[in-house]
Amino acid sequence: MSIIYGERIRLRAVEREDVKKFFEWVNDPDVTFGLSLYLPMSMTDEEKWFERASSREPNEKPLAIEVRAGDVWRLIGNCTFFDLDTLAHFAEIGIMIGDKSAWNHGLGTETVELLLRHGFETLNLNRIFLRVFADNPRAVRTYEKAGFTLEGTQREAVFKRGKFGDIHMMSVLRREWEARKKENQ
C-alpha cells in the first residue's frame, strides 16, 4: 500500500522507530482516557505490539498518522482496520491521536475521513464501524462529523477508572459515504 494523503495529514506504514512515541502516548492518562488501555505499558510491551502488528494481514496493519509541519511530516498517532470480514465486507476501525498538541484541530476527523475513503475505495468495504466510550463526547463528535451514525449503546459495558460506562456503536455504510461525498463535491 502506498501512502494515503489528505489535505493536512498522511497515513503511512508504521515503522519500528515510531514505537518510542507510541510508548509515550499509551502511558499518558489523557491519551488513554478514550482507549481500552488501563494498565501501564512497558517498552517491551509496545515492541511486542509492533511485532504482532507487523505480522498481521496487509489490510489490517496499523498506519501512522502524520501532519505536515513545514517541509517535514510529524507523527501524531496511529490508526487501523481490524476484524476485517471479506465475505460481509465490513471492518472495525481504531484511532489514537497521541500528540496532544494535535488535538482540537480537526485532524482526527480528517484521519477518520481518510480511513473511510481507503476502506470503501481500496478495501471494498460496505460497512465501517467503531466503538467509542459514551463519556468521550469529543471523539463522538469527531465520528459524527465524519458521517458515522449511532447504532446503539452497550450499557455499562466497560469498567474504567473505578466505574462502569457505556460504549456507543457507530457505523457508516458505503452508500451513506458516497452520498456525503457527492454533497461535498
N, C-alpha and C. Protein backbone atom coordinates (compact mmCIF):
# COMPACT_ATOMS: atom_id res chain seq x y z
N MET A 1 0.85 -1.18 0.00
CA MET A 1 0.00 0.00 0.00
C MET A 1 0.89 1.23 0.00
N SER A 2 0.51 2.19 -0.78
CA SER A 2 1.24 3.44 -0.82
C SER A 2 0.74 4.37 0.29
N ILE A 3 1.39 5.50 0.41
CA ILE A 3 0.99 6.49 1.41
C ILE A 3 -0.35 7.09 1.00
N ILE A 4 -1.23 7.31 1.98
CA ILE A 4 -2.55 7.88 1.75
C ILE A 4 -2.50 9.34 2.19
N TYR A 5 -2.74 10.25 1.26
CA TYR A 5 -2.63 11.68 1.56
C TYR A 5 -3.99 12.33 1.72
N GLY A 6 -4.09 13.20 2.72
CA GLY A 6 -5.23 14.07 2.90
C GLY A 6 -4.77 15.50 2.67
N GLU A 7 -5.58 16.45 3.12
CA GLU A 7 -5.19 17.86 2.96
C GLU A 7 -4.02 18.24 3.86
N ARG A 8 -4.12 17.83 5.14
CA ARG A 8 -3.08 18.22 6.10
C ARG A 8 -2.32 17.04 6.67
N ILE A 9 -2.85 15.84 6.48
CA ILE A 9 -2.23 14.66 7.09
C ILE A 9 -1.96 13.60 6.04
N ARG A 10 -1.20 12.62 6.45
CA ARG A 10 -1.00 11.43 5.63
C ARG A 10 -0.96 10.21 6.53
N LEU A 11 -1.31 9.07 5.93
CA LEU A 11 -1.26 7.79 6.62
C LEU A 11 -0.19 6.97 5.92
N ARG A 12 0.72 6.43 6.70
CA ARG A 12 1.80 5.61 6.14
C ARG A 12 1.99 4.38 7.02
N ALA A 13 2.79 3.45 6.55
CA ALA A 13 3.07 2.25 7.33
C ALA A 13 3.78 2.64 8.64
N VAL A 14 3.47 1.92 9.70
CA VAL A 14 4.14 2.12 10.99
C VAL A 14 5.55 1.52 10.90
N GLU A 15 6.52 2.24 11.41
CA GLU A 15 7.92 1.79 11.43
C GLU A 15 8.38 1.58 12.86
N ARG A 16 9.42 0.80 13.02
CA ARG A 16 9.94 0.48 14.36
C ARG A 16 10.28 1.75 15.16
N GLU A 17 10.80 2.77 14.49
CA GLU A 17 11.17 4.00 15.22
C GLU A 17 9.96 4.75 15.77
N ASP A 18 8.76 4.43 15.31
CA ASP A 18 7.53 5.05 15.83
C ASP A 18 7.19 4.54 17.23
N VAL A 19 7.70 3.37 17.56
CA VAL A 19 7.31 2.70 18.81
C VAL A 19 7.62 3.55 20.04
N LYS A 20 8.73 4.30 20.02
CA LYS A 20 9.06 5.15 21.18
C LYS A 20 7.97 6.17 21.46
N LYS A 21 7.45 6.79 20.41
CA LYS A 21 6.36 7.77 20.59
C LYS A 21 5.10 7.07 21.07
N PHE A 22 4.77 5.92 20.46
CA PHE A 22 3.58 5.19 20.87
C PHE A 22 3.66 4.82 22.35
N PHE A 23 4.85 4.39 22.78
CA PHE A 23 5.07 4.04 24.20
C PHE A 23 4.77 5.23 25.09
N GLU A 24 5.24 6.40 24.70
CA GLU A 24 4.99 7.63 25.46
C GLU A 24 3.48 7.89 25.55
N TRP A 25 2.79 7.78 24.43
CA TRP A 25 1.37 8.10 24.37
C TRP A 25 0.50 7.11 25.13
N VAL A 26 0.80 5.81 25.03
CA VAL A 26 -0.06 4.82 25.71
C VAL A 26 0.16 4.81 27.21
N ASN A 27 1.09 5.62 27.71
CA ASN A 27 1.28 5.77 29.14
C ASN A 27 0.85 7.14 29.64
N ASP A 28 0.19 7.90 28.79
CA ASP A 28 -0.32 9.21 29.16
C ASP A 28 -1.82 9.06 29.49
N PRO A 29 -2.22 9.32 30.74
CA PRO A 29 -3.63 9.14 31.12
C PRO A 29 -4.61 9.97 30.29
N ASP A 30 -4.19 11.14 29.82
CA ASP A 30 -5.08 11.94 28.98
C ASP A 30 -5.36 11.22 27.65
N VAL A 31 -4.34 10.60 27.09
CA VAL A 31 -4.49 9.89 25.82
C VAL A 31 -5.30 8.62 26.02
N THR A 32 -5.00 7.88 27.07
CA THR A 32 -5.66 6.58 27.26
C THR A 32 -7.09 6.71 27.79
N PHE A 33 -7.51 7.93 28.14
CA PHE A 33 -8.89 8.13 28.58
C PHE A 33 -9.88 7.56 27.57
N GLY A 34 -9.62 7.74 26.29
CA GLY A 34 -10.53 7.27 25.25
C GLY A 34 -10.17 5.91 24.68
N LEU A 35 -9.17 5.25 25.23
CA LEU A 35 -8.73 3.96 24.72
C LEU A 35 -9.06 2.84 25.70
N SER A 36 -9.00 1.62 25.23
CA SER A 36 -9.32 0.49 26.10
C SER A 36 -8.13 0.07 26.97
N LEU A 37 -7.06 0.83 26.95
CA LEU A 37 -5.89 0.54 27.79
C LEU A 37 -6.15 1.02 29.21
N TYR A 38 -5.74 0.23 30.17
CA TYR A 38 -5.96 0.65 31.56
C TYR A 38 -4.77 0.35 32.47
N LEU A 39 -3.73 -0.30 31.96
CA LEU A 39 -2.53 -0.57 32.74
C LEU A 39 -1.33 0.08 32.07
N PRO A 40 -0.31 0.41 32.86
CA PRO A 40 0.91 0.95 32.24
C PRO A 40 1.49 -0.06 31.26
N MET A 41 2.08 0.46 30.21
CA MET A 41 2.71 -0.39 29.19
C MET A 41 4.23 -0.17 29.25
N SER A 42 4.97 -1.25 29.14
CA SER A 42 6.43 -1.15 29.09
C SER A 42 6.87 -0.99 27.64
N MET A 43 8.10 -0.59 27.45
CA MET A 43 8.64 -0.51 26.10
C MET A 43 8.64 -1.91 25.47
N THR A 44 8.90 -2.93 26.26
CA THR A 44 8.87 -4.31 25.76
C THR A 44 7.46 -4.65 25.28
N ASP A 45 6.42 -4.24 26.04
CA ASP A 45 5.03 -4.48 25.62
C ASP A 45 4.77 -3.81 24.26
N GLU A 46 5.23 -2.60 24.13
CA GLU A 46 4.98 -1.85 22.89
C GLU A 46 5.75 -2.46 21.72
N GLU A 47 6.96 -2.93 21.98
CA GLU A 47 7.73 -3.60 20.92
C GLU A 47 7.06 -4.91 20.50
N LYS A 48 6.50 -5.63 21.47
CA LYS A 48 5.76 -6.86 21.14
C LYS A 48 4.51 -6.53 20.33
N TRP A 49 3.84 -5.43 20.67
CA TRP A 49 2.68 -4.99 19.88
C TRP A 49 3.12 -4.75 18.43
N PHE A 50 4.25 -4.07 18.26
CA PHE A 50 4.75 -3.79 16.91
C PHE A 50 5.02 -5.08 16.15
N GLU A 51 5.64 -6.06 16.81
CA GLU A 51 5.94 -7.33 16.15
C GLU A 51 4.65 -8.04 15.72
N ARG A 52 3.66 -8.07 16.61
CA ARG A 52 2.38 -8.70 16.27
C ARG A 52 1.69 -7.93 15.13
N ALA A 53 1.70 -6.61 15.22
CA ALA A 53 1.07 -5.78 14.20
C ALA A 53 1.74 -5.96 12.84
N SER A 54 3.04 -6.12 12.84
CA SER A 54 3.79 -6.30 11.60
C SER A 54 3.47 -7.61 10.91
N SER A 55 3.00 -8.59 11.67
CA SER A 55 2.70 -9.90 11.08
C SER A 55 1.23 -10.04 10.69
N ARG A 56 0.43 -9.01 10.92
CA ARG A 56 -0.98 -9.06 10.54
C ARG A 56 -1.14 -9.02 9.02
N GLU A 57 -2.34 -9.35 8.57
CA GLU A 57 -2.66 -9.25 7.15
C GLU A 57 -2.41 -7.81 6.69
N PRO A 58 -1.98 -7.61 5.45
CA PRO A 58 -1.67 -6.25 4.99
C PRO A 58 -2.79 -5.23 5.21
N ASN A 59 -4.05 -5.63 5.01
CA ASN A 59 -5.16 -4.69 5.17
C ASN A 59 -5.45 -4.33 6.61
N GLU A 60 -4.85 -5.07 7.56
CA GLU A 60 -5.10 -4.81 8.97
C GLU A 60 -3.86 -4.29 9.70
N LYS A 61 -2.82 -3.98 8.96
CA LYS A 61 -1.62 -3.42 9.60
C LYS A 61 -1.90 -1.98 10.01
N PRO A 62 -1.41 -1.56 11.17
CA PRO A 62 -1.65 -0.18 11.60
C PRO A 62 -0.96 0.82 10.69
N LEU A 63 -1.51 2.01 10.67
CA LEU A 63 -0.98 3.11 9.88
C LEU A 63 -0.58 4.24 10.82
N ALA A 64 0.55 4.84 10.54
CA ALA A 64 0.99 6.02 11.29
C ALA A 64 0.26 7.23 10.73
N ILE A 65 -0.13 8.14 11.62
CA ILE A 65 -0.77 9.39 11.23
C ILE A 65 0.27 10.49 11.37
N GLU A 66 0.50 11.21 10.28
CA GLU A 66 1.46 12.31 10.32
C GLU A 66 0.79 13.58 9.81
N VAL A 67 1.21 14.70 10.39
CA VAL A 67 0.72 16.01 9.96
C VAL A 67 1.90 16.76 9.35
N ARG A 68 1.58 17.53 8.31
CA ARG A 68 2.64 18.32 7.66
C ARG A 68 3.06 19.44 8.61
N ALA A 69 4.36 19.55 8.82
CA ALA A 69 4.94 20.60 9.65
C ALA A 69 6.02 21.28 8.81
N GLY A 70 5.62 22.25 8.02
CA GLY A 70 6.55 22.88 7.08
C GLY A 70 6.88 21.92 5.96
N ASP A 71 8.17 21.61 5.83
CA ASP A 71 8.61 20.69 4.77
C ASP A 71 8.74 19.25 5.24
N VAL A 72 8.41 18.99 6.49
CA VAL A 72 8.55 17.64 7.04
C VAL A 72 7.20 17.15 7.57
N TRP A 73 7.16 15.87 7.88
CA TRP A 73 5.95 15.26 8.44
C TRP A 73 6.24 14.89 9.89
N ARG A 74 5.27 15.18 10.78
CA ARG A 74 5.42 14.91 12.21
C ARG A 74 4.39 13.87 12.63
N LEU A 75 4.85 12.82 13.30
CA LEU A 75 4.00 11.74 13.78
C LEU A 75 3.08 12.25 14.89
N ILE A 76 1.76 11.97 14.76
CA ILE A 76 0.81 12.41 15.79
C ILE A 76 -0.05 11.27 16.33
N GLY A 77 0.01 10.09 15.71
CA GLY A 77 -0.82 8.99 16.19
C GLY A 77 -0.79 7.80 15.27
N ASN A 78 -1.75 6.90 15.47
CA ASN A 78 -1.89 5.75 14.58
C ASN A 78 -3.35 5.35 14.47
N CYS A 79 -3.63 4.53 13.47
CA CYS A 79 -4.98 4.07 13.24
C CYS A 79 -4.92 2.71 12.54
N THR A 80 -6.04 2.01 12.52
CA THR A 80 -6.03 0.70 11.89
C THR A 80 -7.43 0.21 11.58
N PHE A 81 -7.50 -0.74 10.67
CA PHE A 81 -8.69 -1.56 10.44
C PHE A 81 -8.43 -2.88 11.13
N PHE A 82 -9.44 -3.45 11.76
CA PHE A 82 -9.27 -4.80 12.31
C PHE A 82 -10.56 -5.57 12.21
N ASP A 83 -10.43 -6.88 12.41
CA ASP A 83 -11.56 -7.81 12.26
C ASP A 83 -12.25 -7.61 10.92
N LEU A 84 -11.45 -7.46 9.88
CA LEU A 84 -11.96 -7.26 8.54
C LEU A 84 -12.62 -8.55 8.05
N ASP A 85 -13.87 -8.45 7.62
CA ASP A 85 -14.63 -9.60 7.13
C ASP A 85 -14.78 -9.45 5.62
N THR A 86 -14.09 -10.30 4.87
CA THR A 86 -14.10 -10.18 3.41
C THR A 86 -15.38 -10.72 2.79
N LEU A 87 -16.14 -11.54 3.50
CA LEU A 87 -17.41 -12.04 2.97
C LEU A 87 -18.52 -11.00 3.13
N ALA A 88 -18.64 -10.43 4.32
CA ALA A 88 -19.68 -9.43 4.59
C ALA A 88 -19.20 -8.00 4.28
N HIS A 89 -17.92 -7.84 3.97
CA HIS A 89 -17.35 -6.55 3.59
C HIS A 89 -17.50 -5.50 4.67
N PHE A 90 -17.09 -5.83 5.90
CA PHE A 90 -17.08 -4.84 6.97
C PHE A 90 -15.80 -4.95 7.77
N ALA A 91 -15.50 -3.89 8.50
CA ALA A 91 -14.34 -3.87 9.39
C ALA A 91 -14.57 -2.82 10.47
N GLU A 92 -13.86 -3.00 11.56
CA GLU A 92 -13.87 -2.02 12.64
C GLU A 92 -12.62 -1.16 12.50
N ILE A 93 -12.71 0.09 12.91
CA ILE A 93 -11.53 0.95 12.90
C ILE A 93 -11.21 1.39 14.32
N GLY A 94 -9.95 1.75 14.51
CA GLY A 94 -9.48 2.32 15.75
C GLY A 94 -8.52 3.45 15.42
N ILE A 95 -8.48 4.45 16.27
CA ILE A 95 -7.63 5.61 16.03
C ILE A 95 -7.12 6.14 17.37
N MET A 96 -5.86 6.58 17.37
CA MET A 96 -5.28 7.23 18.54
C MET A 96 -4.50 8.45 18.06
N ILE A 97 -4.94 9.62 18.46
CA ILE A 97 -4.15 10.83 18.27
C ILE A 97 -3.43 11.02 19.60
N GLY A 98 -2.18 10.63 19.64
CA GLY A 98 -1.42 10.66 20.89
C GLY A 98 -0.77 12.00 21.18
N ASP A 99 -0.42 12.72 20.15
CA ASP A 99 0.23 14.02 20.30
C ASP A 99 -0.84 15.05 20.68
N LYS A 100 -0.87 15.44 21.95
CA LYS A 100 -1.93 16.32 22.44
C LYS A 100 -1.92 17.71 21.79
N SER A 101 -0.78 18.12 21.24
CA SER A 101 -0.75 19.42 20.55
C SER A 101 -1.55 19.36 19.25
N ALA A 102 -1.88 18.15 18.79
CA ALA A 102 -2.67 17.97 17.56
C ALA A 102 -4.17 17.87 17.85
N TRP A 103 -4.54 17.89 19.12
CA TRP A 103 -5.95 17.78 19.48
C TRP A 103 -6.70 19.08 19.15
N ASN A 104 -7.98 18.94 18.87
CA ASN A 104 -8.88 20.08 18.65
C ASN A 104 -8.53 20.92 17.42
N HIS A 105 -7.95 20.27 16.41
CA HIS A 105 -7.64 20.96 15.15
C HIS A 105 -8.28 20.26 13.96
N GLY A 106 -9.19 19.31 14.22
CA GLY A 106 -9.86 18.61 13.13
C GLY A 106 -9.04 17.51 12.49
N LEU A 107 -7.88 17.20 13.06
CA LEU A 107 -7.02 16.17 12.48
C LEU A 107 -7.57 14.77 12.68
N GLY A 108 -8.28 14.55 13.78
CA GLY A 108 -8.94 13.26 14.00
C GLY A 108 -10.02 13.03 12.96
N THR A 109 -10.81 14.07 12.70
CA THR A 109 -11.87 13.96 11.69
C THR A 109 -11.26 13.69 10.31
N GLU A 110 -10.21 14.41 9.98
CA GLU A 110 -9.56 14.18 8.68
C GLU A 110 -9.00 12.76 8.59
N THR A 111 -8.44 12.27 9.68
CA THR A 111 -7.92 10.89 9.70
C THR A 111 -9.04 9.89 9.46
N VAL A 112 -10.15 10.07 10.16
CA VAL A 112 -11.28 9.15 10.01
C VAL A 112 -11.81 9.21 8.58
N GLU A 113 -11.89 10.40 8.02
CA GLU A 113 -12.36 10.53 6.63
C GLU A 113 -11.43 9.83 5.66
N LEU A 114 -10.11 9.89 5.89
CA LEU A 114 -9.16 9.17 5.04
C LEU A 114 -9.32 7.66 5.21
N LEU A 115 -9.56 7.22 6.44
CA LEU A 115 -9.80 5.79 6.67
C LEU A 115 -11.05 5.33 5.94
N LEU A 116 -12.10 6.14 5.96
CA LEU A 116 -13.32 5.78 5.24
C LEU A 116 -13.05 5.68 3.74
N ARG A 117 -12.35 6.66 3.21
CA ARG A 117 -12.03 6.63 1.77
C ARG A 117 -11.24 5.37 1.42
N HIS A 118 -10.24 5.07 2.21
CA HIS A 118 -9.42 3.87 2.00
C HIS A 118 -10.26 2.60 2.14
N GLY A 119 -11.09 2.56 3.16
CA GLY A 119 -11.91 1.37 3.40
C GLY A 119 -12.92 1.11 2.29
N PHE A 120 -13.57 2.16 1.81
CA PHE A 120 -14.59 1.98 0.78
C PHE A 120 -13.99 1.87 -0.62
N GLU A 121 -12.99 2.68 -0.92
CA GLU A 121 -12.45 2.71 -2.29
C GLU A 121 -11.36 1.67 -2.54
N THR A 122 -10.58 1.34 -1.53
CA THR A 122 -9.47 0.41 -1.73
C THR A 122 -9.78 -0.99 -1.21
N LEU A 123 -10.35 -1.06 -0.01
CA LEU A 123 -10.61 -2.37 0.60
C LEU A 123 -11.97 -2.94 0.22
N ASN A 124 -12.78 -2.17 -0.51
CA ASN A 124 -14.10 -2.60 -0.98
C ASN A 124 -15.03 -3.00 0.16
N LEU A 125 -15.00 -2.22 1.24
CA LEU A 125 -15.89 -2.48 2.36
C LEU A 125 -17.27 -1.88 2.09
N ASN A 126 -18.27 -2.43 2.74
CA ASN A 126 -19.62 -1.89 2.66
C ASN A 126 -20.03 -1.21 3.96
N ARG A 127 -19.41 -1.62 5.07
CA ARG A 127 -19.75 -1.07 6.39
C ARG A 127 -18.48 -0.92 7.20
N ILE A 128 -18.29 0.25 7.78
CA ILE A 128 -17.16 0.50 8.67
C ILE A 128 -17.74 0.95 10.00
N PHE A 129 -17.32 0.29 11.07
CA PHE A 129 -17.88 0.61 12.38
C PHE A 129 -16.79 0.83 13.40
N LEU A 130 -17.21 1.31 14.56
CA LEU A 130 -16.29 1.55 15.67
C LEU A 130 -17.06 1.51 16.97
N ARG A 131 -16.31 1.44 18.02
CA ARG A 131 -16.85 1.53 19.38
C ARG A 131 -16.19 2.73 20.04
N VAL A 132 -16.98 3.50 20.75
CA VAL A 132 -16.44 4.70 21.40
C VAL A 132 -17.10 4.82 22.78
N PHE A 133 -16.30 5.20 23.76
CA PHE A 133 -16.84 5.39 25.10
C PHE A 133 -17.83 6.55 25.09
N ALA A 134 -18.99 6.33 25.67
CA ALA A 134 -20.04 7.35 25.68
C ALA A 134 -19.60 8.61 26.43
N ASP A 135 -18.67 8.47 27.38
CA ASP A 135 -18.22 9.64 28.14
C ASP A 135 -17.05 10.36 27.46
N ASN A 136 -16.91 10.14 26.15
CA ASN A 136 -15.87 10.82 25.37
C ASN A 136 -16.55 11.63 24.25
N PRO A 137 -17.23 12.72 24.62
CA PRO A 137 -18.01 13.48 23.63
C PRO A 137 -17.17 14.05 22.50
N ARG A 138 -15.91 14.38 22.76
CA ARG A 138 -15.06 14.91 21.70
C ARG A 138 -14.88 13.87 20.59
N ALA A 139 -14.65 12.60 20.98
CA ALA A 139 -14.49 11.54 19.98
C ALA A 139 -15.82 11.28 19.26
N VAL A 140 -16.91 11.23 20.01
CA VAL A 140 -18.23 11.01 19.40
C VAL A 140 -18.48 12.07 18.34
N ARG A 141 -18.20 13.32 18.66
CA ARG A 141 -18.42 14.42 17.72
C ARG A 141 -17.53 14.27 16.48
N THR A 142 -16.30 13.84 16.67
CA THR A 142 -15.39 13.59 15.54
C THR A 142 -16.00 12.59 14.58
N TYR A 143 -16.52 11.49 15.13
CA TYR A 143 -17.09 10.44 14.29
C TYR A 143 -18.38 10.91 13.61
N GLU A 144 -19.17 11.69 14.32
CA GLU A 144 -20.39 12.22 13.70
C GLU A 144 -20.04 13.15 12.53
N LYS A 145 -19.02 13.99 12.71
CA LYS A 145 -18.61 14.90 11.64
C LYS A 145 -18.13 14.14 10.42
N ALA A 146 -17.56 12.95 10.63
CA ALA A 146 -17.08 12.13 9.52
C ALA A 146 -18.19 11.30 8.89
N GLY A 147 -19.40 11.35 9.47
CA GLY A 147 -20.54 10.67 8.87
C GLY A 147 -21.03 9.43 9.58
N PHE A 148 -20.45 9.11 10.72
CA PHE A 148 -20.89 7.93 11.47
C PHE A 148 -22.26 8.17 12.10
N THR A 149 -23.04 7.10 12.19
CA THR A 149 -24.36 7.11 12.79
C THR A 149 -24.35 6.21 14.02
N LEU A 150 -25.00 6.66 15.07
CA LEU A 150 -25.12 5.84 16.28
C LEU A 150 -26.05 4.67 15.99
N GLU A 151 -25.56 3.46 16.21
CA GLU A 151 -26.37 2.25 16.00
C GLU A 151 -27.01 1.79 17.31
N GLY A 152 -26.32 2.02 18.39
CA GLY A 152 -26.84 1.57 19.67
C GLY A 152 -25.80 1.78 20.76
N THR A 153 -26.19 1.45 21.97
CA THR A 153 -25.32 1.63 23.12
C THR A 153 -25.26 0.34 23.91
N GLN A 154 -24.06 -0.08 24.22
CA GLN A 154 -23.86 -1.21 25.13
C GLN A 154 -23.76 -0.60 26.53
N ARG A 155 -24.79 -0.87 27.32
CA ARG A 155 -24.86 -0.23 28.63
C ARG A 155 -23.89 -0.87 29.62
N GLU A 156 -23.17 0.00 30.34
CA GLU A 156 -22.20 -0.42 31.36
C GLU A 156 -21.33 -1.57 30.87
N ALA A 157 -20.80 -1.40 29.66
CA ALA A 157 -20.01 -2.45 29.02
C ALA A 157 -18.51 -2.33 29.27
N VAL A 158 -18.10 -1.28 29.96
CA VAL A 158 -16.69 -1.10 30.25
C VAL A 158 -16.54 -0.66 31.70
N PHE A 159 -15.47 -1.14 32.33
CA PHE A 159 -15.13 -0.70 33.68
C PHE A 159 -13.80 0.02 33.56
N LYS A 160 -13.82 1.32 33.82
CA LYS A 160 -12.62 2.12 33.65
C LYS A 160 -12.60 3.23 34.68
N ARG A 161 -11.44 3.41 35.29
CA ARG A 161 -11.25 4.47 36.29
C ARG A 161 -12.27 4.40 37.41
N GLY A 162 -12.54 3.17 37.85
CA GLY A 162 -13.37 2.97 39.03
C GLY A 162 -14.87 2.97 38.80
N LYS A 163 -15.32 2.99 37.56
CA LYS A 163 -16.77 3.00 37.35
C LYS A 163 -17.11 2.30 36.02
N PHE A 164 -18.37 1.90 35.92
CA PHE A 164 -18.86 1.30 34.69
C PHE A 164 -19.32 2.41 33.75
N GLY A 165 -19.11 2.18 32.46
CA GLY A 165 -19.52 3.16 31.47
C GLY A 165 -20.11 2.50 30.25
N ASP A 166 -20.81 3.29 29.47
CA ASP A 166 -21.45 2.81 28.25
C ASP A 166 -20.49 2.91 27.06
N ILE A 167 -20.73 2.06 26.07
CA ILE A 167 -19.98 2.10 24.82
C ILE A 167 -20.98 2.28 23.68
N HIS A 168 -20.75 3.30 22.87
CA HIS A 168 -21.58 3.52 21.69
C HIS A 168 -21.01 2.73 20.51
N MET A 169 -21.92 2.14 19.74
CA MET A 169 -21.56 1.50 18.48
C MET A 169 -21.99 2.47 17.38
N MET A 170 -21.05 2.80 16.48
CA MET A 170 -21.34 3.74 15.39
C MET A 170 -20.85 3.14 14.09
N SER A 171 -21.51 3.49 12.98
CA SER A 171 -21.07 2.95 11.69
C SER A 171 -21.38 3.91 10.55
N VAL A 172 -20.75 3.63 9.42
CA VAL A 172 -21.03 4.30 8.16
C VAL A 172 -21.15 3.20 7.11
N LEU A 173 -22.19 3.30 6.29
CA LEU A 173 -22.36 2.39 5.16
C LEU A 173 -21.80 3.05 3.91
N ARG A 174 -21.37 2.23 2.97
CA ARG A 174 -20.79 2.76 1.72
C ARG A 174 -21.76 3.75 1.05
N ARG A 175 -23.04 3.40 0.96
CA ARG A 175 -23.99 4.28 0.27
C ARG A 175 -24.13 5.62 0.99
N GLU A 176 -24.04 5.63 2.30
CA GLU A 176 -24.10 6.89 3.06
C GLU A 176 -22.86 7.73 2.78
N TRP A 177 -21.72 7.06 2.74
CA TRP A 177 -20.46 7.75 2.48
C TRP A 177 -20.46 8.33 1.06
N GLU A 178 -20.94 7.55 0.10
CA GLU A 178 -20.99 8.03 -1.29
C GLU A 178 -21.93 9.23 -1.42
N ALA A 179 -23.07 9.20 -0.72
CA ALA A 179 -24.00 10.33 -0.75
C ALA A 179 -23.35 11.58 -0.17
N ARG A 180 -22.63 11.45 0.94
CA ARG A 180 -21.93 12.60 1.55
C ARG A 180 -20.86 13.14 0.62
N LYS A 181 -20.16 12.22 -0.03
CA LYS A 181 -19.10 12.60 -0.96
C LYS A 181 -19.68 13.44 -2.10
N LYS A 182 -20.82 13.03 -2.65
CA LYS A 182 -21.48 13.79 -3.72
C LYS A 182 -21.90 15.16 -3.25
N GLU A 183 -22.44 15.24 -2.02
CA GLU A 183 -22.87 16.53 -1.47
C GLU A 183 -21.72 17.50 -1.33
N ASN A 184 -20.54 16.99 -1.00
CA ASN A 184 -19.38 17.84 -0.73
C ASN A 184 -18.57 18.17 -1.98
N GLN A 185 -18.99 17.69 -3.14
CA GLN A 185 -18.23 17.99 -4.37
C GLN A 185 -18.63 19.31 -4.95
